[in-house]
Amino acid sequence: MDLSDQLKNLFPDHVPEASSEETEDKGPDFWMQEDPIQCKFEKRNGRIVTVLAGYTGATSDFKKLSRELKKELGVGGSFKNEEIIIQGDYRDRIMEWLQKQGFRVKRVGG
């Protein structure tokens, strides 16, 4: 007998409400902008990174977006100086993911 069964025995008239987290699984909502996000490839300190620039959201939006991108790709990265830095060359995958989320993306460089 688990906890939910014990609670049903103690309070038989109670009908549990569905929590809002279970009913809504929209994912994180980011601030959407009209201008495209620039996706570029750079070498920094001898390492390859993908840099996303041109996003004009708040700091919390930058953090949400970078966290979701890193989780989606399974790589490391950071957020510095109005840029999201992702370790490795993932321009194509990042651009596909951002477009699925509803962002406009512009590839800069090769």
Protein backbone atom coordinates (compact mmCIF):
# COMPACT_ATOMS: atom_id res chain seq x y z
CA MET A 1 0.00 0.00 0.00
CA ASP A 2 1.57 3.26 -1.07
CA LEU A 3 0.93 6.78 0.16
CA SER A 4 -1.83 7.58 -2.34
CA ASP A 5 -3.80 4.48 -1.25
CA GLN A 6 -3.40 5.45 2.40
CA LEU A 7 -4.65 8.96 1.68
CA LYS A 8 -7.67 7.57 -0.20
CA ASN A 9 -8.52 5.44 2.84
CA LEU A 10 -8.21 8.42 5.18
CA PHE A 11 -10.10 10.87 2.93
CA PRO A 12 -12.49 8.90 0.71
CA ASP A 13 -14.50 11.99 -0.41
CA HIS A 14 -11.47 13.94 -1.59
CA VAL A 15 -10.91 14.20 -5.34
CA PRO A 16 -7.30 15.18 -6.16
CA GLU A 17 -6.84 17.97 -8.70
CA ALA A 18 -4.43 17.60 -11.59
CA SER A 19 -1.43 19.82 -11.05
CA SER A 20 -0.65 22.45 -13.66
CA GLU A 21 2.79 20.90 -14.27
CA GLU A 22 1.27 17.59 -15.35
CA THR A 23 -1.35 19.12 -17.65
CA GLU A 24 0.89 21.68 -19.34
CA ASP A 25 4.18 20.52 -20.79
CA LYS A 26 4.86 23.32 -23.25
CA GLY A 27 8.52 23.60 -22.37
CA PRO A 28 10.28 26.84 -21.63
CA ASP A 29 8.88 29.95 -23.19
CA PHE A 30 11.48 32.35 -24.50
CA TRP A 31 11.13 35.95 -25.52
CA MET A 32 10.65 35.97 -29.28
CA GLN A 33 12.16 38.73 -31.37
CA GLU A 34 11.71 39.97 -34.91
CA ASP A 35 15.42 40.19 -35.80
CA PRO A 36 17.23 36.95 -36.61
CA ILE A 37 19.73 35.40 -34.22
CA GLN A 38 23.20 35.23 -35.75
CA CYS A 39 24.82 31.80 -35.60
CA LYS A 40 28.55 31.82 -36.26
CA PHE A 41 31.58 29.56 -35.93
CA GLU A 42 34.77 30.77 -34.21
CA LYS A 43 38.02 29.48 -32.83
CA ARG A 44 38.78 30.72 -29.36
CA ASN A 45 41.98 29.75 -27.60
CA GLY A 46 42.50 26.99 -30.17
CA ARG A 47 39.07 25.47 -29.58
CA ILE A 48 36.07 25.48 -31.85
CA VAL A 49 32.90 27.17 -30.56
CA THR A 50 29.52 28.15 -31.96
CA VAL A 51 28.49 31.69 -31.01
CA LEU A 52 24.89 32.93 -31.01
CA ALA A 53 24.66 36.71 -31.12
CA GLY A 54 21.89 39.21 -31.72
CA TYR A 55 19.37 37.91 -29.17
CA THR A 56 17.85 40.85 -27.30
CA GLY A 57 16.02 39.10 -24.47
CA ALA A 58 16.50 39.63 -20.75
CA THR A 59 19.28 37.92 -18.83
CA SER A 60 16.89 35.24 -17.58
CA ASP A 61 15.84 34.51 -21.18
CA PHE A 62 19.49 34.15 -22.19
CA LYS A 63 20.03 31.69 -19.37
CA LYS A 64 16.92 29.65 -20.26
CA LEU A 65 17.85 29.54 -23.93
CA SER A 66 21.47 28.56 -23.29
CA ARG A 67 20.41 25.89 -20.77
CA GLU A 68 17.95 24.34 -23.21
CA LEU A 69 20.45 24.41 -26.08
CA LYS A 70 23.15 22.75 -23.98
CA LYS A 71 20.68 20.12 -22.79
CA GLU A 72 19.44 19.47 -26.35
CA LEU A 73 22.97 19.06 -27.74
CA GLY A 74 24.53 17.40 -24.71
CA VAL A 75 27.49 19.78 -24.69
CA GLY A 76 28.91 22.54 -22.53
CA GLY A 77 28.72 26.24 -23.05
CA SER A 78 28.17 29.59 -21.40
CA PHE A 79 26.51 32.97 -21.64
CA LYS A 80 28.78 36.04 -21.71
CA ASN A 81 28.49 39.59 -23.01
CA GLU A 82 25.11 39.18 -24.75
CA GLU A 83 26.35 36.03 -26.55
CA ILE A 84 25.62 32.34 -26.04
CA ILE A 85 28.76 30.24 -26.53
CA ILE A 86 28.35 26.52 -27.26
CA GLN A 87 31.40 24.23 -27.30
CA GLY A 88 31.92 22.63 -30.71
CA ASP A 89 30.61 23.25 -34.22
CA TYR A 90 26.86 22.63 -33.97
CA ARG A 91 25.58 25.37 -36.27
CA ASP A 92 23.24 23.14 -38.28
CA ARG A 93 21.66 21.43 -35.28
CA ILE A 94 21.33 24.71 -33.37
CA MET A 95 19.72 26.43 -36.33
CA GLU A 96 17.21 23.58 -36.79
CA TRP A 97 16.31 23.60 -33.09
CA LEU A 98 15.92 27.38 -32.96
CA GLN A 99 13.69 27.35 -36.04
CA LYS A 100 11.49 24.66 -34.45
CA GLN A 101 11.15 26.93 -31.43
CA GLY A 102 9.99 29.77 -33.70
CA PHE A 103 13.14 31.89 -33.93
CA ARG A 104 14.54 33.37 -37.11
CA VAL A 105 18.17 32.38 -37.56
CA LYS A 106 20.88 33.76 -39.84
CA ARG A 107 24.06 31.82 -40.57
CA VAL A 108 27.11 34.09 -40.48
CA GLY A 109 30.39 33.01 -42.06
CA GLY A 110 31.19 29.75 -43.90
